[in-house]
Structure formats: structure tokens, C-alpha cells
Amino acid sequence: MTEIHLSEKDRAFIEEQVKAGLYKDADEVVAAGLSRLGSENELLREMIAEADAQFERGDYHTFTTADALADSIIERGMRILNRKS
């Protein structure tokens, strides 16, 4: 079995979760954390794959200045706001 060393802060967090009744024991806290990490990694991989696909399709915008980028963000935000009203 792999030995894991935790900081005092991490130990206190685990104890707090168990004392609050959110988990039965430290093993459950760690398992939940690893499960969430796995889910977040999978989501990140999916987002990267989608970004790669968008790039391959040419579905992106190039900005030559920070002002052009800011104007685009403002314009996009205004379109979203107008759709909601």
C-alpha cells in the first residue's frame, strides 16, 4: 500500500468533514476527493478535445490588439444581454 503524508491543514480538513457527519471516516473523505479529481480531469480532457476540434474547424477569432479583444467581449456580452430581455 502506498504511504500518504498529509499536512496538518489537510488532516484538520479531513477531521472536520468526518466530525460534521459528511463522511464516515477519513478513507471516505479521501475517496470522495479522488473521485472528484478524476471527474474534473475527465471534464478537462473533454474541454481540451473540443477546443482542439474547434481549432481544426477554424472556429476561432484572432485579435491583433487588446482593444479589439475587449470590443469583441463587450459586443458578445451585449448580444447575450439583449437575448435575455
PDB file of N, CA and C in Angstrom:
ATOM      1  N   MET A   1       0.862  -1.188   0.000  1.00  0.00           N
ATOM      2  CA  MET A   1       0.000   0.000   0.000  1.00  0.00           C
ATOM      3  C   MET A   1       0.891   1.228   0.000  1.00  0.00           C
ATOM      4  N   THR A   2       0.471   2.237  -0.736  1.00  0.00           N
ATOM      5  CA  THR A   2       1.199   3.498  -0.799  1.00  0.00           C
ATOM      6  C   THR A   2       1.009   4.277   0.489  1.00  0.00           C
ATOM      7  N   GLU A   3       2.090   4.815   0.983  1.00  0.00           N
ATOM      8  CA  GLU A   3       2.010   5.630   2.189  1.00  0.00           C
ATOM      9  C   GLU A   3       1.767   7.078   1.773  1.00  0.00           C
ATOM     10  N   ILE A   4       0.834   7.712   2.440  1.00  0.00           N
ATOM     11  CA  ILE A   4       0.473   9.090   2.109  1.00  0.00           C
ATOM     12  C   ILE A   4       0.781   9.980   3.309  1.00  0.00           C
ATOM     13  N   HIS A   5       1.468  11.080   3.054  1.00  0.00           N
ATOM     14  CA  HIS A   5       1.779  12.049   4.104  1.00  0.00           C
ATOM     15  C   HIS A   5       0.911  13.283   3.871  1.00  0.00           C
ATOM     16  N   LEU A   6       0.179  13.660   4.903  1.00  0.00           N
ATOM     17  CA  LEU A   6      -0.721  14.815   4.812  1.00  0.00           C
ATOM     18  C   LEU A   6      -0.205  15.957   5.671  1.00  0.00           C
ATOM     19  N   SER A   7      -0.476  17.153   5.210  1.00  0.00           N
ATOM     20  CA  SER A   7      -0.134  18.317   6.017  1.00  0.00           C
ATOM     21  C   SER A   7      -1.125  18.411   7.181  1.00  0.00           C
ATOM     22  N   GLU A   8      -0.767  19.207   8.153  1.00  0.00           N
ATOM     23  CA  GLU A   8      -1.682  19.424   9.286  1.00  0.00           C
ATOM     24  C   GLU A   8      -2.998  20.025   8.800  1.00  0.00           C
ATOM     25  N   LYS A   9      -2.901  20.916   7.838  1.00  0.00           N
ATOM     26  CA  LYS A   9      -4.106  21.546   7.278  1.00  0.00           C
ATOM     27  C   LYS A   9      -5.016  20.496   6.639  1.00  0.00           C
ATOM     28  N   ASP A  10      -4.428  19.573   5.871  1.00  0.00           N
ATOM     29  CA  ASP A  10      -5.223  18.516   5.238  1.00  0.00           C
ATOM     30  C   ASP A  10      -5.835  17.581   6.275  1.00  0.00           C
ATOM     31  N   ARG A  11      -5.056  17.232   7.289  1.00  0.00           N
ATOM     32  CA  ARG A  11      -5.594  16.369   8.354  1.00  0.00           C
ATOM     33  C   ARG A  11      -6.769  17.044   9.061  1.00  0.00           C
ATOM     34  N   ALA A  12      -6.612  18.323   9.328  1.00  0.00           N
ATOM     35  CA  ALA A  12      -7.686  19.064  10.006  1.00  0.00           C
ATOM     36  C   ALA A  12      -8.939  19.111   9.127  1.00  0.00           C
ATOM     37  N   PHE A  13      -8.753  19.297   7.835  1.00  0.00           N
ATOM     38  CA  PHE A  13      -9.902  19.329   6.923  1.00  0.00           C
ATOM     39  C   PHE A  13     -10.628  17.987   6.931  1.00  0.00           C
ATOM     40  N   ILE A  14      -9.872  16.904   6.855  1.00  0.00           N
ATOM     41  CA  ILE A  14     -10.477  15.570   6.862  1.00  0.00           C
ATOM     42  C   ILE A  14     -11.238  15.342   8.161  1.00  0.00           C
ATOM     43  N   GLU A  15     -10.623  15.673   9.273  1.00  0.00           N
ATOM     44  CA  GLU A  15     -11.282  15.505  10.572  1.00  0.00           C
ATOM     45  C   GLU A  15     -12.561  16.335  10.644  1.00  0.00           C
ATOM     46  N   GLU A  16     -12.504  17.540  10.108  1.00  0.00           N
ATOM     47  CA  GLU A  16     -13.674  18.427  10.103  1.00  0.00           C
ATOM     48  C   GLU A  16     -14.822  17.806   9.304  1.00  0.00           C
ATOM     49  N   GLN A  17     -14.507  17.204   8.173  1.00  0.00           N
ATOM     50  CA  GLN A  17     -15.540  16.583   7.340  1.00  0.00           C
ATOM     51  C   GLN A  17     -16.184  15.397   8.048  1.00  0.00           C
ATOM     52  N   VAL A  18     -15.363  14.606   8.724  1.00  0.00           N
ATOM     53  CA  VAL A  18     -15.882  13.452   9.454  1.00  0.00           C
ATOM     54  C   VAL A  18     -16.716  13.908  10.651  1.00  0.00           C
ATOM     55  N   LYS A  19     -16.203  14.876  11.408  1.00  0.00           N
ATOM     56  CA  LYS A  19     -16.934  15.382  12.578  1.00  0.00           C
ATOM     57  C   LYS A  19     -18.269  15.997  12.184  1.00  0.00           C
ATOM     58  N   ALA A  20     -18.329  16.601  11.011  1.00  0.00           N
ATOM     59  CA  ALA A  20     -19.571  17.213  10.543  1.00  0.00           C
ATOM     60  C   ALA A  20     -20.574  16.155  10.093  1.00  0.00           C
ATOM     61  N   GLY A  21     -20.132  14.904  10.035  1.00  0.00           N
ATOM     62  CA  GLY A  21     -21.029  13.822   9.640  1.00  0.00           C
ATOM     63  C   GLY A  21     -21.182  13.684   8.137  1.00  0.00           C
ATOM     64  N   LEU A  22     -20.340  14.378   7.390  1.00  0.00           N
ATOM     65  CA  LEU A  22     -20.442  14.311   5.941  1.00  0.00           C
ATOM     66  C   LEU A  22     -19.863  13.010   5.394  1.00  0.00           C
ATOM     67  N   TYR A  23     -18.925  12.433   6.129  1.00  0.00           N
ATOM     68  CA  TYR A  23     -18.285  11.180   5.738  1.00  0.00           C
ATOM     69  C   TYR A  23     -18.118  10.313   6.964  1.00  0.00           C
ATOM     70  N   LYS A  24     -18.097   9.000   6.739  1.00  0.00           N
ATOM     71  CA  LYS A  24     -17.977   8.040   7.840  1.00  0.00           C
ATOM     72  C   LYS A  24     -16.582   8.081   8.467  1.00  0.00           C
ATOM     73  N   ASP A  25     -15.567   8.197   7.607  1.00  0.00           N
ATOM     74  CA  ASP A  25     -14.188   8.183   8.100  1.00  0.00           C
ATOM     75  C   ASP A  25     -13.269   8.868   7.093  1.00  0.00           C
ATOM     76  N   ALA A  26     -11.993   8.915   7.448  1.00  0.00           N
ATOM     77  CA  ALA A  26     -11.004   9.590   6.601  1.00  0.00           C
ATOM     78  C   ALA A  26     -10.916   8.943   5.222  1.00  0.00           C
ATOM     79  N   ASP A  27     -11.046   7.609   5.164  1.00  0.00           N
ATOM     80  CA  ASP A  27     -10.988   6.923   3.872  1.00  0.00           C
ATOM     81  C   ASP A  27     -12.064   7.433   2.919  1.00  0.00           C
ATOM     82  N   GLU A  28     -13.258   7.669   3.441  1.00  0.00           N
ATOM     83  CA  GLU A  28     -14.347   8.178   2.592  1.00  0.00           C
ATOM     84  C   GLU A  28     -14.052   9.594   2.102  1.00  0.00           C
ATOM     85  N   VAL A  29     -13.452  10.411   2.949  1.00  0.00           N
ATOM     86  CA  VAL A  29     -13.107  11.780   2.547  1.00  0.00           C
ATOM     87  C   VAL A  29     -12.096  11.735   1.404  1.00  0.00           C
ATOM     88  N   VAL A  30     -11.065  10.930   1.569  1.00  0.00           N
ATOM     89  CA  VAL A  30     -10.028  10.822   0.539  1.00  0.00           C
ATOM     90  C   VAL A  30     -10.616  10.236  -0.739  1.00  0.00           C
ATOM     91  N   ALA A  31     -11.444   9.213  -0.627  1.00  0.00           N
ATOM     92  CA  ALA A  31     -12.067   8.604  -1.803  1.00  0.00           C
ATOM     93  C   ALA A  31     -12.919   9.625  -2.555  1.00  0.00           C
ATOM     94  N   ALA A  32     -13.668  10.442  -1.822  1.00  0.00           N
ATOM     95  CA  ALA A  32     -14.502  11.463  -2.456  1.00  0.00           C
ATOM     96  C   ALA A  32     -13.630  12.489  -3.175  1.00  0.00           C
ATOM     97  N   GLY A  33     -12.534  12.863  -2.542  1.00  0.00           N
ATOM     98  CA  GLY A  33     -11.625  13.819  -3.165  1.00  0.00           C
ATOM     99  C   GLY A  33     -11.007  13.264  -4.436  1.00  0.00           C
ATOM    100  N   LEU A  34     -10.598  12.008  -4.408  1.00  0.00           N
ATOM    101  CA  LEU A  34     -10.017  11.381  -5.594  1.00  0.00           C
ATOM    102  C   LEU A  34     -11.055  11.221  -6.702  1.00  0.00           C
ATOM    103  N   SER A  35     -12.279  10.900  -6.311  1.00  0.00           N
ATOM    104  CA  SER A  35     -13.349  10.781  -7.302  1.00  0.00           C
ATOM    105  C   SER A  35     -13.602  12.118  -7.992  1.00  0.00           C
ATOM    106  N   ARG A  36     -13.641  13.165  -7.200  1.00  0.00           N
ATOM    107  CA  ARG A  36     -13.860  14.499  -7.781  1.00  0.00           C
ATOM    108  C   ARG A  36     -12.695  14.897  -8.682  1.00  0.00           C
ATOM    109  N   LEU A  37     -11.487  14.606  -8.256  1.00  0.00           N
ATOM    110  CA  LEU A  37     -10.315  14.905  -9.073  1.00  0.00           C
ATOM    111  C   LEU A  37     -10.390  14.161 -10.403  1.00  0.00           C
ATOM    112  N   GLY A  38     -10.789  12.900 -10.353  1.00  0.00           N
ATOM    113  CA  GLY A  38     -10.944  12.121 -11.582  1.00  0.00           C
ATOM    114  C   GLY A  38     -11.991  12.728 -12.501  1.00  0.00           C
ATOM    115  N   SER A  39     -13.115  13.152 -11.935  1.00  0.00           N
ATOM    116  CA  SER A  39     -14.172  13.770 -12.735  1.00  0.00           C
ATOM    117  C   SER A  39     -13.708  15.073 -13.362  1.00  0.00           C
ATOM    118  N   GLU A  40     -13.005  15.877 -12.579  1.00  0.00           N
ATOM    119  CA  GLU A  40     -12.503  17.151 -13.101  1.00  0.00           C
ATOM    120  C   GLU A  40     -11.473  16.926 -14.202  1.00  0.00           C
ATOM    121  N   ASN A  41     -10.618  15.913 -14.044  1.00  0.00           N
ATOM    122  CA  ASN A  41      -9.636  15.603 -15.086  1.00  0.00           C
ATOM    123  C   ASN A  41     -10.323  15.158 -16.368  1.00  0.00           C
ATOM    124  N   GLU A  42     -11.359  14.340 -16.242  1.00  0.00           N
ATOM    125  CA  GLU A  42     -12.101  13.888 -17.419  1.00  0.00           C
ATOM    126  C   GLU A  42     -12.763  15.074 -18.116  1.00  0.00           C
ATOM    127  N   LEU A  43     -13.377  15.972 -17.348  1.00  0.00           N
ATOM    128  CA  LEU A  43     -14.006  17.156 -17.927  1.00  0.00           C
ATOM    129  C   LEU A  43     -12.960  18.019 -18.635  1.00  0.00           C
ATOM    130  N   LEU A  44     -11.815  18.179 -18.033  1.00  0.00           N
ATOM    131  CA  LEU A  44     -10.742  18.961 -18.651  1.00  0.00           C
ATOM    132  C   LEU A  44     -10.301  18.337 -19.969  1.00  0.00           C
ATOM    133  N   ARG A  45     -10.156  17.006 -19.990  1.00  0.00           N
ATOM    134  CA  ARG A  45      -9.785  16.326 -21.240  1.00  0.00           C
ATOM    135  C   ARG A  45     -10.834  16.551 -22.320  1.00  0.00           C
ATOM    136  N   GLU A  46     -12.115  16.496 -21.940  1.00  0.00           N
ATOM    137  CA  GLU A  46     -13.198  16.737 -22.901  1.00  0.00           C
ATOM    138  C   GLU A  46     -13.159  18.167 -23.428  1.00  0.00           C
ATOM    139  N   MET A  47     -12.906  19.132 -22.540  1.00  0.00           N
ATOM    140  CA  MET A  47     -12.845  20.530 -22.954  1.00  0.00           C
ATOM    141  C   MET A  47     -11.667  20.771 -23.897  1.00  0.00           C
ATOM    142  N   ILE A  48     -10.535  20.146 -23.620  1.00  0.00           N
ATOM    143  CA  ILE A  48      -9.366  20.291 -24.489  1.00  0.00           C
ATOM    144  C   ILE A  48      -9.647  19.672 -25.849  1.00  0.00           C
ATOM    145  N   ALA A  49     -10.282  18.506 -25.866  1.00  0.00           N
ATOM    146  CA  ALA A  49     -10.620  17.853 -27.138  1.00  0.00           C
ATOM    147  C   ALA A  49     -11.560  18.735 -27.955  1.00  0.00           C
ATOM    148  N   GLU A  50     -12.540  19.352 -27.302  1.00  0.00           N
ATOM    149  CA  GLU A  50     -13.467  20.240 -28.008  1.00  0.00           C
ATOM    150  C   GLU A  50     -12.742  21.472 -28.534  1.00  0.00           C
ATOM    151  N   ALA A  51     -11.840  22.031 -27.743  1.00  0.00           N
ATOM    152  CA  ALA A  51     -11.074  23.202 -28.192  1.00  0.00           C
ATOM    153  C   ALA A  51     -10.211  22.835 -29.389  1.00  0.00           C
ATOM    154  N   ASP A  52      -9.591  21.652 -29.343  1.00  0.00           N
ATOM    155  CA  ASP A  52      -8.793  21.195 -30.486  1.00  0.00           C
ATOM    156  C   ASP A  52      -9.661  21.048 -31.729  1.00  0.00           C
ATOM    157  N   ALA A  53     -10.850  20.488 -31.568  1.00  0.00           N
ATOM    158  CA  ALA A  53     -11.769  20.309 -32.700  1.00  0.00           C
ATOM    159  C   ALA A  53     -12.196  21.664 -33.265  1.00  0.00           C
ATOM    160  N   GLN A  54     -12.491  22.617 -32.389  1.00  0.00           N
ATOM    161  CA  GLN A  54     -12.860  23.958 -32.849  1.00  0.00           C
ATOM    162  C   GLN A  54     -11.714  24.584 -33.635  1.00  0.00           C
ATOM    163  N   PHE A  55     -10.507  24.419 -33.158  1.00  0.00           N
ATOM    164  CA  PHE A  55      -9.350  24.977 -33.850  1.00  0.00           C
ATOM    165  C   PHE A  55      -9.190  24.329 -35.227  1.00  0.00           C
ATOM    166  N   GLU A  56      -9.337  23.011 -35.279  1.00  0.00           N
ATOM    167  CA  GLU A  56      -9.216  22.298 -36.556  1.00  0.00           C
ATOM    168  C   GLU A  56     -10.286  22.744 -37.551  1.00  0.00           C
ATOM    169  N   ARG A  57     -11.483  23.070 -37.052  1.00  0.00           N
ATOM    170  CA  ARG A  57     -12.574  23.545 -37.926  1.00  0.00           C
ATOM    171  C   ARG A  57     -12.390  25.002 -38.323  1.00  0.00           C
ATOM    172  N   GLY A  58     -11.438  25.666 -37.707  1.00  0.00           N
ATOM    173  CA  GLY A  58     -11.251  27.094 -37.968  1.00  0.00           C
ATOM    174  C   GLY A  58     -12.252  27.951 -37.221  1.00  0.00           C
ATOM    175  N   ASP A  59     -12.833  27.379 -36.173  1.00  0.00           N
ATOM    176  CA  ASP A  59     -13.868  28.060 -35.388  1.00  0.00           C
ATOM    177  C   ASP A  59     -13.211  28.838 -34.248  1.00  0.00           C
ATOM    178  N   TYR A  60     -12.527  29.925 -34.609  1.00  0.00           N
ATOM    179  CA  TYR A  60     -11.879  30.772 -33.617  1.00  0.00           C
ATOM    180  C   TYR A  60     -11.700  32.169 -34.207  1.00  0.00           C
ATOM    181  N   HIS A  61     -11.372  33.115 -33.350  1.00  0.00           N
ATOM    182  CA  HIS A  61     -11.165  34.501 -33.767  1.00  0.00           C
ATOM    183  C   HIS A  61      -9.751  34.917 -33.396  1.00  0.00           C
ATOM    184  N   THR A  62      -9.142  35.695 -34.253  1.00  0.00           N
ATOM    185  CA  THR A  62      -7.814  36.226 -33.993  1.00  0.00           C
ATOM    186  C   THR A  62      -7.934  37.725 -33.748  1.00  0.00           C
ATOM    187  N   PHE A  63      -7.283  38.201 -32.706  1.00  0.00           N
ATOM    188  CA  PHE A  63      -7.318  39.621 -32.381  1.00  0.00           C
ATOM    189  C   PHE A  63      -5.900  40.172 -32.465  1.00  0.00           C
ATOM    190  N   THR A  64      -5.781  41.346 -33.057  1.00  0.00           N
ATOM    191  CA  THR A  64      -4.458  41.938 -33.227  1.00  0.00           C
ATOM    192  C   THR A  64      -4.105  42.903 -32.107  1.00  0.00           C
ATOM    193  N   THR A  65      -5.113  43.340 -31.351  1.00  0.00           N
ATOM    194  CA  THR A  65      -4.857  44.253 -30.239  1.00  0.00           C
ATOM    195  C   THR A  65      -5.741  43.876 -29.052  1.00  0.00           C
ATOM    196  N   ALA A  66      -5.335  44.334 -27.895  1.00  0.00           N
ATOM    197  CA  ALA A  66      -6.142  44.114 -26.693  1.00  0.00           C
ATOM    198  C   ALA A  66      -7.472  44.848 -26.806  1.00  0.00           C
ATOM    199  N   ASP A  67      -7.467  46.012 -27.439  1.00  0.00           N
ATOM    200  CA  ASP A  67      -8.715  46.765 -27.617  1.00  0.00           C
ATOM    201  C   ASP A  67      -9.698  45.992 -28.489  1.00  0.00           C
ATOM    202  N   ALA A  68      -9.200  45.338 -29.535  1.00  0.00           N
ATOM    203  CA  ALA A  68     -10.079  44.548 -30.403  1.00  0.00           C
ATOM    204  C   ALA A  68     -10.695  43.390 -29.622  1.00  0.00           C
ATOM    205  N   LEU A  69      -9.899  42.751 -28.772  1.00  0.00           N
ATOM    206  CA  LEU A  69     -10.409  41.670 -27.930  1.00  0.00           C
ATOM    207  C   LEU A  69     -11.461  42.203 -26.964  1.00  0.00           C
ATOM    208  N   ALA A  70     -11.175  43.316 -26.319  1.00  0.00           N
ATOM    209  CA  ALA A  70     -12.126  43.912 -25.365  1.00  0.00           C
ATOM    210  C   ALA A  70     -13.424  44.278 -26.062  1.00  0.00           C
ATOM    211  N   ASP A  71     -13.331  44.870 -27.248  1.00  0.00           N
ATOM    212  CA  ASP A  71     -14.541  45.230 -28.002  1.00  0.00           C
ATOM    213  C   ASP A  71     -15.365  43.990 -28.328  1.00  0.00           C
ATOM    214  N   SER A  72     -14.700  42.912 -28.701  1.00  0.00           N
ATOM    215  CA  SER A  72     -15.407  41.671 -29.025  1.00  0.00           C
ATOM    216  C   SER A  72     -16.117  41.110 -27.797  1.00  0.00           C
ATOM    217  N   ILE A  73     -15.449  41.155 -26.657  1.00  0.00           N
ATOM    218  CA  ILE A  73     -16.058  40.654 -25.421  1.00  0.00           C
ATOM    219  C   ILE A  73     -17.276  41.488 -25.060  1.00  0.00           C
ATOM    220  N   ILE A  74     -17.154  42.789 -25.174  1.00  0.00           N
ATOM    221  CA  ILE A  74     -18.280  43.683 -24.859  1.00  0.00           C
ATOM    222  C   ILE A  74     -19.440  43.431 -25.816  1.00  0.00           C
ATOM    223  N   GLU A  75     -19.139  43.308 -27.086  1.00  0.00           N
ATOM    224  CA  GLU A  75     -20.187  43.065 -28.089  1.00  0.00           C
ATOM    225  C   GLU A  75     -20.906  41.738 -27.818  1.00  0.00           C
ATOM    226  N   ARG A  76     -20.130  40.715 -27.522  1.00  0.00           N
ATOM    227  CA  ARG A  76     -20.722  39.412 -27.223  1.00  0.00           C
ATOM    228  C   ARG A  76     -21.595  39.481 -25.971  1.00  0.00           C
ATOM    229  N   GLY A  77     -21.114  40.168 -24.956  1.00  0.00           N
ATOM    230  CA  GLY A  77     -21.901  40.331 -23.734  1.00  0.00           C
ATOM    231  C   GLY A  77     -23.199  41.073 -23.984  1.00  0.00           C
ATOM    232  N   MET A  78     -23.132  42.101 -24.811  1.00  0.00           N
ATOM    233  CA  MET A  78     -24.346  42.866 -25.129  1.00  0.00           C
ATOM    234  C   MET A  78     -25.349  41.993 -25.881  1.00  0.00           C
ATOM    235  N   ARG A  79     -24.880  41.146 -26.797  1.00  0.00           N
ATOM    236  CA  ARG A  79     -25.788  40.241 -27.515  1.00  0.00           C
ATOM    237  C   ARG A  79     -26.463  39.289 -26.550  1.00  0.00           C
ATOM    238  N   ILE A  80     -25.700  38.765 -25.604  1.00  0.00           N
ATOM    239  CA  ILE A  80     -26.274  37.849 -24.621  1.00  0.00           C
ATOM    240  C   ILE A  80     -27.304  38.575 -23.767  1.00  0.00           C
ATOM    241  N   LEU A  81     -26.994  39.776 -23.321  1.00  0.00           N
ATOM    242  CA  LEU A  81     -27.941  40.552 -22.512  1.00  0.00           C
ATOM    243  C   LEU A  81     -29.215  40.872 -23.293  1.00  0.00           C
ATOM    244  N   ASN A  82     -29.082  41.207 -24.552  1.00  0.00           N
ATOM    245  CA  ASN A  82     -30.252  41.533 -25.370  1.00  0.00           C
ATOM    246  C   ASN A  82     -31.141  40.327 -25.597  1.00  0.00           C
ATOM    247  N   ARG A  83     -30.575  39.131 -25.655  1.00  0.00           N
ATOM    248  CA  ARG A  83     -31.375  37.921 -25.819  1.00  0.00           C
ATOM    249  C   ARG A  83     -32.187  37.637 -24.569  1.00  0.00           C
ATOM    250  N   LYS A  84     -31.682  38.030 -23.410  1.00  0.00           N
ATOM    251  CA  LYS A  84     -32.365  37.742 -22.149  1.00  0.00           C
ATOM    252  C   LYS A  84     -33.493  38.709 -21.855  1.00  0.00           C
ATOM    253  N   SER A  85     -33.468  39.874 -22.497  1.00  0.00           N
ATOM    254  CA  SER A  85     -34.504  40.859 -22.179  1.00  0.00           C
ATOM    255  C   SER A  85     -35.686  40.779 -23.098  1.00  0.00           C
TER     256      SER A  85
END
